């Protein structure tokens, strides 16, 4: 069955022959690690904002641009698609760091 599927994909130019396949999984583990760190950072910011809102909603309303923060940190980080490029991952990590530093 797999051979038939591959043959059909090659016929439709959706799959090219002769690609090099890696046999180790270190690159996959590294990519998962990087995305996991982003998820943890984003969830930490989201959880901190939720805790602050419960503890002192008036302070949050006066000190935080609630609309912007809600858009960025309202949904769980793992419910959205994280960037795949290293540059965009680093930018998102910087955004999370700035958010926790209060800038």
Protein backbone atom coordinates (compact mmCIF):
# COMPACT_ATOMS: atom_id res chain seq x y z
CA UNK A 1 0.00 0.00 0.00
CA UNK A 2 2.81 2.40 0.89
CA UNK A 3 4.55 1.70 -2.43
CA UNK A 4 1.37 2.58 -4.31
CA UNK A 5 0.98 5.79 -2.34
CA UNK A 6 4.59 6.83 -2.96
CA UNK A 7 4.32 6.04 -6.66
CA UNK A 8 1.16 8.13 -6.96
CA UNK A 9 2.74 11.07 -5.10
CA UNK A 10 5.79 10.93 -7.40
CA UNK A 11 3.51 10.91 -10.46
CA UNK A 12 1.82 14.08 -9.25
CA UNK A 13 5.16 15.76 -8.47
CA UNK A 14 4.26 15.91 -4.79
CA UNK A 15 7.20 13.78 -3.76
CA UNK A 16 10.70 13.76 -5.21
CA UNK A 17 12.89 10.69 -5.36
CA UNK A 18 16.46 10.53 -4.14
CA UNK A 19 16.18 12.61 -0.99
CA UNK A 20 18.58 12.01 1.86
CA UNK A 21 16.90 10.60 4.95
CA UNK A 22 18.43 11.08 8.36
CA UNK A 23 18.45 8.00 10.52
CA UNK A 24 18.98 9.72 13.85
CA UNK A 25 16.42 11.73 15.77
CA UNK A 26 18.65 14.32 17.44
CA UNK A 27 17.43 17.12 15.19
CA UNK A 28 13.82 16.25 16.03
CA UNK A 29 14.55 16.16 19.76
CA UNK A 30 16.32 19.54 19.53
CA UNK A 31 13.38 21.11 17.69
CA UNK A 32 10.90 19.77 20.24
CA UNK A 33 13.09 21.06 23.08
CA UNK A 34 13.18 24.57 21.59
CA UNK A 35 9.42 24.68 21.06
CA UNK A 36 8.81 23.28 24.55
CA UNK A 37 10.86 26.13 26.04
CA UNK A 38 8.77 28.67 24.14
CA UNK A 39 5.57 27.05 25.36
CA UNK A 40 6.82 27.09 28.96
CA UNK A 41 7.81 30.75 28.75
CA UNK A 42 4.49 31.75 27.23
CA UNK A 43 2.50 29.73 29.74
CA UNK A 44 4.47 31.28 32.62
CA UNK A 45 3.54 34.77 31.41
CA UNK A 46 -0.10 33.77 30.93
CA UNK A 47 -0.31 32.13 34.36
CA UNK A 48 1.34 35.13 36.05
CA UNK A 49 -1.14 37.50 34.45
CA UNK A 50 -4.05 35.30 35.50
CA UNK A 51 -2.74 35.19 39.09
CA UNK A 52 -2.26 38.97 39.15
CA UNK A 53 -5.76 39.47 37.79
CA UNK A 54 -7.21 37.30 40.56
CA UNK A 55 -5.11 38.96 43.26
CA UNK A 56 -5.55 42.59 42.23
CA UNK A 57 -7.76 43.18 39.19
CA UNK A 58 -7.76 46.95 39.68
CA UNK A 59 -3.97 47.12 39.53
CA UNK A 60 -3.92 44.99 36.38
CA UNK A 61 -6.55 47.20 34.75
CA UNK A 62 -4.47 50.32 35.52
CA UNK A 63 -1.02 48.90 34.78
CA UNK A 64 -1.50 46.55 31.83
CA UNK A 65 -2.89 47.11 28.37
CA UNK A 66 -5.48 44.40 28.97
CA UNK A 67 -6.70 44.22 25.36
CA UNK A 68 -3.19 43.67 24.00
CA UNK A 69 -2.27 41.16 26.69
CA UNK A 70 -5.53 39.28 26.28
CA UNK A 71 -4.95 38.93 22.57
CA UNK A 72 -1.37 37.74 23.08
CA UNK A 73 -1.59 35.69 26.29
CA UNK A 74 -5.29 34.87 26.68
CA UNK A 75 -5.29 31.59 24.76
CA UNK A 76 -2.98 28.85 25.92
CA UNK A 77 0.35 28.90 24.10
CA UNK A 78 0.11 25.23 23.17
CA UNK A 79 -3.22 25.87 21.42
CA UNK A 80 -1.61 27.97 18.70
CA UNK A 81 1.03 27.27 16.09
CA UNK A 82 4.50 28.28 17.21
CA UNK A 83 6.98 29.67 14.68
CA UNK A 84 9.26 27.20 12.94
CA UNK A 85 12.06 29.56 11.96
CA UNK A 86 14.82 30.13 14.50
CA UNK A 87 14.58 33.93 14.04
CA UNK A 88 10.87 34.05 14.80
CA UNK A 89 11.30 31.69 17.77
CA UNK A 90 13.96 34.00 19.20
CA UNK A 91 11.72 37.05 18.66
CA UNK A 92 8.85 35.33 20.47
CA UNK A 93 11.18 34.38 23.34
CA UNK A 94 12.30 38.02 23.60
CA UNK A 95 8.64 39.12 23.64
CA UNK A 96 7.95 36.70 26.51
CA UNK A 97 11.03 37.95 28.38
CA UNK A 98 9.99 41.57 27.98
CA UNK A 99 6.50 40.74 29.17
CA UNK A 100 7.82 39.21 32.38
CA UNK A 101 10.21 42.13 32.91
CA UNK A 102 7.33 44.58 32.63
CA UNK A 103 8.50 46.44 29.52
